[in-house]
C-alpha atoms as a PDB file:
ATOM      1  CA  UNK A   1       0.000   0.000   0.000  1.00  0.00           C
ATOM      2  CA  UNK A   2       1.536   3.311  -1.061  1.00  0.00           C
ATOM      3  CA  UNK A   3       1.724   6.425   1.110  1.00  0.00           C
ATOM      4  CA  UNK A   4      -1.313   8.095  -0.483  1.00  0.00           C
ATOM      5  CA  UNK A   5      -3.486   5.035   0.097  1.00  0.00           C
ATOM      6  CA  UNK A   6      -2.227   4.681   3.665  1.00  0.00           C
ATOM      7  CA  UNK A   7      -3.162   8.300   4.348  1.00  0.00           C
ATOM      8  CA  UNK A   8      -6.615   7.735   2.846  1.00  0.00           C
ATOM      9  CA  UNK A   9      -7.162   4.666   5.008  1.00  0.00           C
ATOM     10  CA  UNK A  10      -5.949   6.303   8.223  1.00  0.00           C
ATOM     11  CA  UNK A  11      -7.842   9.568   7.695  1.00  0.00           C
ATOM     12  CA  UNK A  12     -10.973   7.720   6.634  1.00  0.00           C
ATOM     13  CA  UNK A  13     -10.914   5.560   9.743  1.00  0.00           C
ATOM     14  CA  UNK A  14     -10.301   8.613  11.942  1.00  0.00           C
ATOM     15  CA  UNK A  15     -13.277  10.387  10.387  1.00  0.00           C
ATOM     16  CA  UNK A  16     -15.362   7.403  11.515  1.00  0.00           C
ATOM     17  CA  UNK A  17     -13.836   7.667  15.016  1.00  0.00           C
ATOM     18  CA  UNK A  18     -12.074   4.345  14.518  1.00  0.00           C
ATOM     19  CA  UNK A  19      -8.345   5.047  14.695  1.00  0.00           C
ATOM     20  CA  UNK A  20      -6.139   2.282  13.372  1.00  0.00           C
ATOM     21  CA  UNK A  21      -3.374   0.591  15.304  1.00  0.00           C
ATOM     22  CA  UNK A  22      -0.166  -0.614  13.648  1.00  0.00           C
ATOM     23  CA  UNK A  23      -1.682  -4.106  13.744  1.00  0.00           C
ATOM     24  CA  UNK A  24      -4.814  -2.921  11.926  1.00  0.00           C
ATOM     25  CA  UNK A  25      -2.767  -1.169   9.236  1.00  0.00           C
ATOM     26  CA  UNK A  26      -0.624  -4.264   8.718  1.00  0.00           C
ATOM     27  CA  UNK A  27      -3.665  -6.513   8.270  1.00  0.00           C
ATOM     28  CA  UNK A  28      -5.525  -4.070   6.020  1.00  0.00           C
ATOM     29  CA  UNK A  29      -2.391  -3.729   3.886  1.00  0.00           C
ATOM     30  CA  UNK A  30      -2.238  -7.508   3.570  1.00  0.00           C
ATOM     31  CA  UNK A  31      -5.957  -7.633   2.738  1.00  0.00           C
ATOM     32  CA  UNK A  32      -5.620  -5.004  -0.017  1.00  0.00           C
ATOM     33  CA  UNK A  33      -2.538  -6.690  -1.459  1.00  0.00           C
ATOM     34  CA  UNK A  34      -4.175 -10.119  -1.556  1.00  0.00           C
ATOM     35  CA  UNK A  35      -7.477  -8.770  -2.881  1.00  0.00           C
ATOM     36  CA  UNK A  36      -5.637  -7.108  -5.762  1.00  0.00           C
ATOM     37  CA  UNK A  37      -3.628 -10.241  -6.478  1.00  0.00           C
ATOM     38  CA  UNK A  38      -6.646 -12.557  -6.459  1.00  0.00           C
ATOM     39  CA  UNK A  39      -8.852 -10.089  -8.358  1.00  0.00           C
ATOM     40  CA  UNK A  40      -6.522 -10.299 -11.346  1.00  0.00           C
ATOM     41  CA  UNK A  41      -7.615 -13.912 -11.758  1.00  0.00           C
ATOM     42  CA  UNK A  42     -11.024 -14.154 -10.068  1.00  0.00           C
ATOM     43  CA  UNK A  43     -13.973 -11.753 -10.059  1.00  0.00           C
ATOM     44  CA  UNK A  44     -13.819 -10.759  -6.387  1.00  0.00           C
ATOM     45  CA  UNK A  45     -14.664  -7.066  -6.863  1.00  0.00           C
ATOM     46  CA  UNK A  46     -15.403  -5.045  -9.983  1.00  0.00           C
ATOM     47  CA  UNK A  47     -12.719  -2.406  -9.302  1.00  0.00           C
ATOM     48  CA  UNK A  48      -9.603  -3.218  -7.356  1.00  0.00           C
ATOM     49  CA  UNK A  49      -7.331  -0.188  -7.304  1.00  0.00           C
ATOM     50  CA  UNK A  50      -6.246   0.694  -3.772  1.00  0.00           C
ATOM     51  CA  UNK A  51      -8.330   3.876  -3.468  1.00  0.00           C
ATOM     52  CA  UNK A  52     -11.536   2.131  -4.558  1.00  0.00           C
ATOM     53  CA  UNK A  53     -10.965  -0.805  -2.207  1.00  0.00           C
ATOM     54  CA  UNK A  54     -10.452   1.596   0.685  1.00  0.00           C
ATOM     55  CA  UNK A  55     -13.322   3.991  -0.099  1.00  0.00           C
ATOM     56  CA  UNK A  56     -15.959   1.610  -1.407  1.00  0.00           C
ATOM     57  CA  UNK A  57     -15.296  -1.484   0.652  1.00  0.00           C
ATOM     58  CA  UNK A  58     -13.172  -0.991   3.778  1.00  0.00           C
ATOM     59  CA  UNK A  59     -14.524   2.380   4.925  1.00  0.00           C
ATOM     60  CA  UNK A  60     -18.081   1.439   3.979  1.00  0.00           C
ATOM     61  CA  UNK A  61     -17.797  -1.647   6.174  1.00  0.00           C
ATOM     62  CA  UNK A  62     -16.269   0.314   9.051  1.00  0.00           C
ATOM     63  CA  UNK A  63     -18.942   3.023   8.821  1.00  0.00           C
ATOM     64  CA  UNK A  64     -21.711   0.714  10.040  1.00  0.00           C
ATOM     65  CA  UNK A  65     -19.884  -0.401  13.191  1.00  0.00           C
ATOM     66  CA  UNK A  66     -21.423   2.282  15.483  1.00  0.00           C
ATOM     67  CA  UNK A  67     -24.918   1.098  14.558  1.00  0.00           C
ATOM     68  CA  UNK A  68     -24.308  -2.524  15.603  1.00  0.00           C
ATOM     69  CA  UNK A  69     -24.545  -4.088  19.067  1.00  0.00           C
ATOM     70  CA  UNK A  70     -21.134  -3.807  20.708  1.00  0.00           C
ATOM     71  CA  UNK A  71     -21.009  -7.470  21.719  1.00  0.00           C
ATOM     72  CA  UNK A  72     -22.101 -10.834  20.353  1.00  0.00           C
ATOM     73  CA  UNK A  73     -21.156 -13.209  17.561  1.00  0.00           C
ATOM     74  CA  UNK A  74     -21.633 -12.052  13.974  1.00  0.00           C
ATOM     75  CA  UNK A  75     -22.664 -14.078  10.922  1.00  0.00           C
ATOM     76  CA  UNK A  76     -21.954 -12.551   7.490  1.00  0.00           C
ATOM     77  CA  UNK A  77     -24.167 -14.176   4.834  1.00  0.00           C
ATOM     78  CA  UNK A  78     -22.879 -14.057   1.261  1.00  0.00           C
ATOM     79  CA  UNK A  79     -19.604 -12.553   2.432  1.00  0.00           C
ATOM     80  CA  UNK A  80     -17.958 -12.381  -1.005  1.00  0.00           C
ATOM     81  CA  UNK A  81     -14.599 -10.689  -0.497  1.00  0.00           C
ATOM     82  CA  UNK A  82     -15.225 -10.475   3.257  1.00  0.00           C
ATOM     83  CA  UNK A  83     -17.546  -7.484   3.219  1.00  0.00           C
ATOM     84  CA  UNK A  84     -18.432  -6.422   5.782  1.00  0.00           C
ATOM     85  CA  UNK A  85     -17.665  -9.358   8.097  1.00  0.00           C
ATOM     86  CA  UNK A  86     -13.925  -9.687   7.596  1.00  0.00           C
ATOM     87  CA  UNK A  87     -13.376  -5.931   7.880  1.00  0.00           C
ATOM     88  CA  UNK A  88     -15.356  -5.782  11.125  1.00  0.00           C
ATOM     89  CA  UNK A  89     -13.482  -8.821  12.455  1.00  0.00           C
ATOM     90  CA  UNK A  90     -10.124  -7.127  11.866  1.00  0.00           C
ATOM     91  CA  UNK A  91     -11.190  -4.124  13.942  1.00  0.00           C
ATOM     92  CA  UNK A  92     -12.978  -6.184  16.603  1.00  0.00           C
ATOM     93  CA  UNK A  93     -10.689  -9.122  17.431  1.00  0.00           C
ATOM     94  CA  UNK A  94     -12.762 -10.119  20.470  1.00  0.00           C
ATOM     95  CA  UNK A  95     -15.919 -10.656  18.387  1.00  0.00           C
ATOM     96  CA  UNK A  96     -16.417 -14.094  16.849  1.00  0.00           C
ATOM     97  CA  UNK A  97     -17.221 -13.740  13.156  1.00  0.00           C
ATOM     98  CA  UNK A  98     -18.367 -16.422  10.723  1.00  0.00           C
ATOM     99  CA  UNK A  99     -18.171 -15.720   6.990  1.00  0.00           C
ATOM    100  CA  UNK A 100     -20.563 -17.739   4.826  1.00  0.00           C
ATOM    101  CA  UNK A 101     -19.636 -17.869   1.143  1.00  0.00           C
ATOM    102  CA  UNK A 102     -20.828 -20.587  -1.242  1.00  0.00           C
ATOM    103  CA  UNK A 103     -18.490 -19.782  -4.152  1.00  0.00           C
ATOM    104  CA  UNK A 104     -15.323 -21.812  -3.709  1.00  0.00           C
ATOM    105  CA  UNK A 105     -12.840 -19.317  -5.157  1.00  0.00           C
ATOM    106  CA  UNK A 106     -14.113 -16.565  -2.880  1.00  0.00           C
ATOM    107  CA  UNK A 107     -14.192 -18.879   0.120  1.00  0.00           C
ATOM    108  CA  UNK A 108     -10.598 -19.886  -0.639  1.00  0.00           C
ATOM    109  CA  UNK A 109      -9.625 -16.213  -0.761  1.00  0.00           C
ATOM    110  CA  UNK A 110     -11.234 -15.619   2.639  1.00  0.00           C
ATOM    111  CA  UNK A 111      -9.513 -18.644   4.167  1.00  0.00           C
ATOM    112  CA  UNK A 112      -6.189 -17.474   2.740  1.00  0.00           C
ATOM    113  CA  UNK A 113      -6.491 -13.977   4.232  1.00  0.00           C
ATOM    114  CA  UNK A 114      -7.659 -15.343   7.592  1.00  0.00           C
ATOM    115  CA  UNK A 115      -4.681 -17.690   7.671  1.00  0.00           C
ATOM    116  CA  UNK A 116      -2.097 -15.117   6.547  1.00  0.00           C
ATOM    117  CA  UNK A 117      -3.422 -12.455   8.930  1.00  0.00           C
ATOM    118  CA  UNK A 118      -3.706 -14.967  11.799  1.00  0.00           C
ATOM    119  CA  UNK A 119      -7.280 -13.900  12.555  1.00  0.00           C
ATOM    120  CA  UNK A 120      -8.217 -16.334  15.308  1.00  0.00           C
ATOM    121  CA  UNK A 121     -11.713 -14.859  15.702  1.00  0.00           C
ATOM    122  CA  UNK A 122     -12.830 -15.695  12.127  1.00  0.00           C
ATOM    123  CA  UNK A 123     -14.231 -18.872  10.592  1.00  0.00           C
ATOM    124  CA  UNK A 124     -15.140 -19.410   6.942  1.00  0.00           C
ATOM    125  CA  UNK A 125     -18.029 -21.670   5.943  1.00  0.00           C
ATOM    126  CA  UNK A 126     -18.142 -22.663   2.279  1.00  0.00           C
ATOM    127  CA  UNK A 127     -21.849 -23.366   2.238  1.00  0.00           C
ATOM    128  CA  UNK A 128     -25.062 -21.972   0.834  1.00  0.00           C
ATOM    129  CA  UNK A 129     -26.711 -19.941   3.585  1.00  0.00           C
ATOM    130  CA  UNK A 130     -30.070 -21.607   3.035  1.00  0.00           C
ATOM    131  CA  UNK A 131     -28.513 -25.021   3.738  1.00  0.00           C
ATOM    132  CA  UNK A 132     -27.122 -24.071   7.155  1.00  0.00           C
ATOM    133  CA  UNK A 133     -30.466 -23.449   8.840  1.00  0.00           C
ATOM    134  CA  UNK A 134     -30.799 -27.013  10.163  1.00  0.00           C
ATOM    135  CA  UNK A 135     -27.332 -27.187  11.714  1.00  0.00           C
ATOM    136  CA  UNK A 136     -27.346 -26.864  15.509  1.00  0.00           C
ATOM    137  CA  UNK A 137     -24.144 -24.808  15.558  1.00  0.00           C
ATOM    138  CA  UNK A 138     -25.876 -22.102  13.540  1.00  0.00           C
ATOM    139  CA  UNK A 139     -29.434 -22.119  14.890  1.00  0.00           C
ATOM    140  CA  UNK A 140     -30.305 -18.985  16.911  1.00  0.00           C
ATOM    141  CA  UNK A 141     -26.619 -18.581  17.703  1.00  0.00           C
ATOM    142  CA  UNK A 142     -25.742 -15.089  16.437  1.00  0.00           C
ATOM    143  CA  UNK A 143     -26.453 -11.664  17.917  1.00  0.00           C
ATOM    144  CA  UNK A 144     -25.881 -10.097  14.487  1.00  0.00           C
ATOM    145  CA  UNK A 145     -26.716 -11.624  11.110  1.00  0.00           C
ATOM    146  CA  UNK A 146     -25.653  -9.280   8.347  1.00  0.00           C
ATOM    147  CA  UNK A 147     -25.534  -9.083   4.570  1.00  0.00           C
ATOM    148  CA  UNK A 148     -24.262  -6.411   2.198  1.00  0.00           C
ATOM    149  CA  UNK A 149     -26.656  -5.953  -0.716  1.00  0.00           C
ATOM    150  CA  UNK A 150     -26.874  -9.686  -1.462  1.00  0.00           C
ATOM    151  CA  UNK A 151     -30.656 -10.193  -1.449  1.00  0.00           C
ATOM    152  CA  UNK A 152     -33.753  -8.034  -1.352  1.00  0.00           C
ATOM    153  CA  UNK A 153     -34.906  -7.362   2.203  1.00  0.00           C
ATOM    154  CA  UNK A 154     -37.720  -9.925   2.203  1.00  0.00           C
ATOM    155  CA  UNK A 155     -35.467 -12.735   1.055  1.00  0.00           C
ATOM    156  CA  UNK A 156     -32.696 -11.717   3.417  1.00  0.00           C
ATOM    157  CA  UNK A 157     -35.003 -11.831   6.449  1.00  0.00           C
ATOM    158  CA  UNK A 158     -36.302 -15.235   5.393  1.00  0.00           C
ATOM    159  CA  UNK A 159     -32.770 -16.597   5.171  1.00  0.00           C
ATOM    160  CA  UNK A 160     -31.479 -14.830   8.299  1.00  0.00           C
ATOM    161  CA  UNK A 161     -34.242 -15.750  10.748  1.00  0.00           C
ATOM    162  CA  UNK A 162     -33.038 -19.272  11.762  1.00  0.00           C
ATOM    163  CA  UNK A 163     -29.629 -17.883  12.715  1.00  0.00           C
ATOM    164  CA  UNK A 164     -30.633 -14.838  14.771  1.00  0.00           C
ATOM    165  CA  UNK A 165     -30.518 -15.211  18.566  1.00  0.00           C
ATOM    166  CA  UNK A 166     -33.625 -14.260  20.528  1.00  0.00           C
ATOM    167  CA  UNK A 167     -32.056 -10.916  21.468  1.00  0.00           C
ATOM    168  CA  UNK A 168     -30.412 -10.518  18.071  1.00  0.00           C
ATOM    169  CA  UNK A 169     -30.724  -8.478  14.923  1.00  0.00           C
ATOM    170  CA  UNK A 170     -30.793  -9.021  11.184  1.00  0.00           C
ATOM    171  CA  UNK A 171     -28.827  -6.187   9.584  1.00  0.00           C
ATOM    172  CA  UNK A 172     -29.202  -5.265   5.913  1.00  0.00           C
ATOM    173  CA  UNK A 173     -26.673  -3.021   4.172  1.00  0.00           C
ATOM    174  CA  UNK A 174     -28.434  -1.396   1.245  1.00  0.00           C
ATOM    175  CA  UNK A 175     -28.461   1.649  -1.012  1.00  0.00           C
ATOM    176  CA  UNK A 176     -30.208   4.953  -0.283  1.00  0.00           C
ATOM    177  CA  UNK A 177     -33.583   3.687  -1.560  1.00  0.00           C
ATOM    178  CA  UNK A 178     -33.913   1.045   1.165  1.00  0.00           C
ATOM    179  CA  UNK A 179     -36.437   3.047   3.264  1.00  0.00           C
ATOM    180  CA  UNK A 180     -38.834   2.973   0.306  1.00  0.00           C
ATOM    181  CA  UNK A 181     -38.306  -0.783  -0.006  1.00  0.00           C
ATOM    182  CA  UNK A 182     -39.221  -1.155   3.669  1.00  0.00           C
ATOM    183  CA  UNK A 183     -42.390   0.895   3.202  1.00  0.00           C
ATOM    184  CA  UNK A 184     -43.566  -1.499   0.499  1.00  0.00           C
ATOM    185  CA  UNK A 185     -43.128  -4.579   2.698  1.00  0.00           C
ATOM    186  CA  UNK A 186     -43.930  -3.020   6.098  1.00  0.00           C
ATOM    187  CA  UNK A 187     -47.017  -5.190   6.663  1.00  0.00           C
ATOM    188  CA  UNK A 188     -45.051  -8.312   5.758  1.00  0.00           C
ATOM    189  CA  UNK A 189     -42.001  -7.823   7.992  1.00  0.00           C
ATOM    190  CA  UNK A 190     -43.763  -9.005  11.165  1.00  0.00           C
ATOM    191  CA  UNK A 191     -44.860 -12.185   9.378  1.00  0.00           C
ATOM    192  CA  UNK A 192     -41.196 -12.815   8.602  1.00  0.00           C
ATOM    193  CA  UNK A 193     -40.450 -12.795  12.338  1.00  0.00           C
ATOM    194  CA  UNK A 194     -38.933  -9.330  12.726  1.00  0.00           C
ATOM    195  CA  UNK A 195     -39.719  -5.775  13.741  1.00  0.00           C
ATOM    196  CA  UNK A 196     -37.940  -2.790  12.135  1.00  0.00           C
ATOM    197  CA  UNK A 197     -35.713  -1.306  14.843  1.00  0.00           C
ATOM    198  CA  UNK A 198     -33.746   1.481  13.152  1.00  0.00           C
ATOM    199  CA  UNK A 199     -32.627   2.815   9.786  1.00  0.00           C
ATOM    200  CA  UNK A 200     -29.442   4.820   9.363  1.00  0.00           C
ATOM    201  CA  UNK A 201     -28.478   6.767   6.246  1.00  0.00           C
ATOM    202  CA  UNK A 202     -24.744   7.336   6.119  1.00  0.00           C
ATOM    203  CA  UNK A 203     -21.810   8.241   3.908  1.00  0.00           C
ATOM    204  CA  UNK A 204     -18.069   8.320   4.444  1.00  0.00           C
ATOM    205  CA  UNK A 205     -15.933  11.448   4.280  1.00  0.00           C
ATOM    206  CA  UNK A 206     -14.197  10.251   1.128  1.00  0.00           C
ATOM    207  CA  UNK A 207     -17.217   8.965  -0.796  1.00  0.00           C
ATOM    208  CA  UNK A 208     -20.248  11.126  -1.632  1.00  0.00           C
ATOM    209  CA  UNK A 209     -22.620   8.206  -2.233  1.00  0.00           C
ATOM    210  CA  UNK A 210     -25.269   7.690   0.436  1.00  0.00           C
ATOM    211  CA  UNK A 211     -26.006   4.227   1.794  1.00  0.00           C
ATOM    212  CA  UNK A 212     -28.275   2.791   4.417  1.00  0.00           C
ATOM    213  CA  UNK A 213     -28.116   0.142   7.106  1.00  0.00           C
ATOM    214  CA  UNK A 214     -31.348  -1.259   8.552  1.00  0.00           C
ATOM    215  CA  UNK A 215     -31.606  -3.186  11.820  1.00  0.00           C
ATOM    216  CA  UNK A 216     -34.464  -5.629  12.311  1.00  0.00           C
ATOM    217  CA  UNK A 217     -35.069  -6.979  15.808  1.00  0.00           C
ATOM    218  CA  UNK A 218     -36.215 -10.560  16.072  1.00  0.00           C
ATOM    219  CA  UNK A 219     -39.854 -10.754  17.153  1.00  0.00           C
ATOM    220  CA  UNK A 220     -40.734 -13.005  20.099  1.00  0.00           C
ATOM    221  CA  UNK A 221     -44.341 -13.353  18.899  1.00  0.00           C
ATOM    222  CA  UNK A 222     -43.728 -15.519  15.812  1.00  0.00           C
END
């Protein structure tokens, strides 16, 4: 990672009130390097220059951290290149994080980064999310179940419900039009086993695009 990219990463994290330690910088540098190397062969992300990786992926993942419960295991469904689960795991080494990714090449990338970075709090599951619902180790075992723009909200809640602990949340990372999507399905959300808890519209200091993160609390009445 060159000096300009390092400055962008450090200043971006500071703007989110998440200063980086030397350990964090070392691991993020490794992540960027490996993502660029693997992206030359496999379709991990559409753009993989350092500035885009930092702005669009790393800082976007870090930006949602203040909206999440501070404690509890996290399950990232459809993790892809580790977004947001791997990024959050780097910054929160005491939180157990499981990355679910069905595509083998992407799962191999995640395992490689976890191994090289010695991230002891991260596990990678190369499985389809829908097929994990019957496994005892996954049932109602996660305080946070999250996905970054992988499914529409209805489908995401259907898939997430078996994994969410009774005091947990399903968290959807979406674009700025997500509140309108919620309005359209408002009467259906309760039937899916959730109640809308909060919606946050956010952007990072180095990216003008607005995004949203929606927290759904698990309902005890379904």
